[in-house]
Amino acid sequence: MQKDRSFGDDAGREGLLRVFELLGDDPRVRQYRGRMASLLH
C-alpha cells in the first residue's frame, strides 16, 4: 500500500478494511486503522 496504493485496484486497503470489519471492536483495529491512514495520506 505504501509504495503503490492502486496496485490490484486498491486490494491492500480493501483487504485490511475487511479484516477490520471481522475484528469488530478490537482495540488493535483502531491502532492499525490509524497506521493505515498515515501510510495512505
Protein backbone atom coordinates (compact mmCIF):
# COMPACT_ATOMS: atom_id res chain seq x y z
CA MET A 1 0.00 0.00 0.00
CA GLN A 2 2.75 2.41 0.84
CA LYS A 3 4.59 2.04 -2.46
CA ASP A 4 1.63 1.72 -4.84
CA ARG A 5 -1.84 2.26 -3.44
CA SER A 6 -3.54 1.49 -6.75
CA PHE A 7 -1.93 -1.95 -7.11
CA GLY A 8 -4.59 -4.58 -7.69
CA ASP A 9 -7.38 -2.00 -7.72
CA ASP A 10 -6.57 -0.95 -4.14
CA ALA A 11 -6.61 -4.58 -2.97
CA GLY A 12 -4.35 -3.97 0.03
CA ARG A 13 -6.58 -1.31 1.53
CA GLU A 14 -9.76 -3.21 0.71
CA GLY A 15 -8.41 -6.38 2.31
CA LEU A 16 -7.42 -4.60 5.50
CA LEU A 17 -10.81 -2.94 5.76
CA ARG A 18 -12.47 -6.36 5.54
CA VAL A 19 -10.21 -7.71 8.28
CA PHE A 20 -11.03 -4.69 10.44
CA GLU A 21 -14.74 -5.41 9.97
CA LEU A 22 -14.24 -9.03 11.05
CA LEU A 23 -12.35 -7.97 14.19
CA GLY A 24 -15.08 -5.53 15.19
CA ASP A 25 -14.34 -3.51 18.32
CA ASP A 26 -10.92 -5.00 18.97
CA PRO A 27 -8.61 -2.24 20.30
CA ARG A 28 -5.99 -3.14 17.71
CA VAL A 29 -8.37 -2.17 14.92
CA ARG A 30 -8.27 1.48 15.96
CA GLN A 31 -4.48 1.38 16.21
CA TYR A 32 -3.99 -0.18 12.79
CA ARG A 33 -6.63 1.96 11.08
CA GLY A 34 -4.60 4.96 12.18
CA ARG A 35 -1.39 3.45 10.84
CA MET A 36 -3.07 2.61 7.54
CA ALA A 37 -4.41 6.15 7.22
CA SER A 38 -0.98 7.66 7.84
CA LEU A 39 0.52 5.43 5.13
CA LEU A 40 -2.07 6.46 2.58
CA HIS A 41 -2.19 10.19 3.23
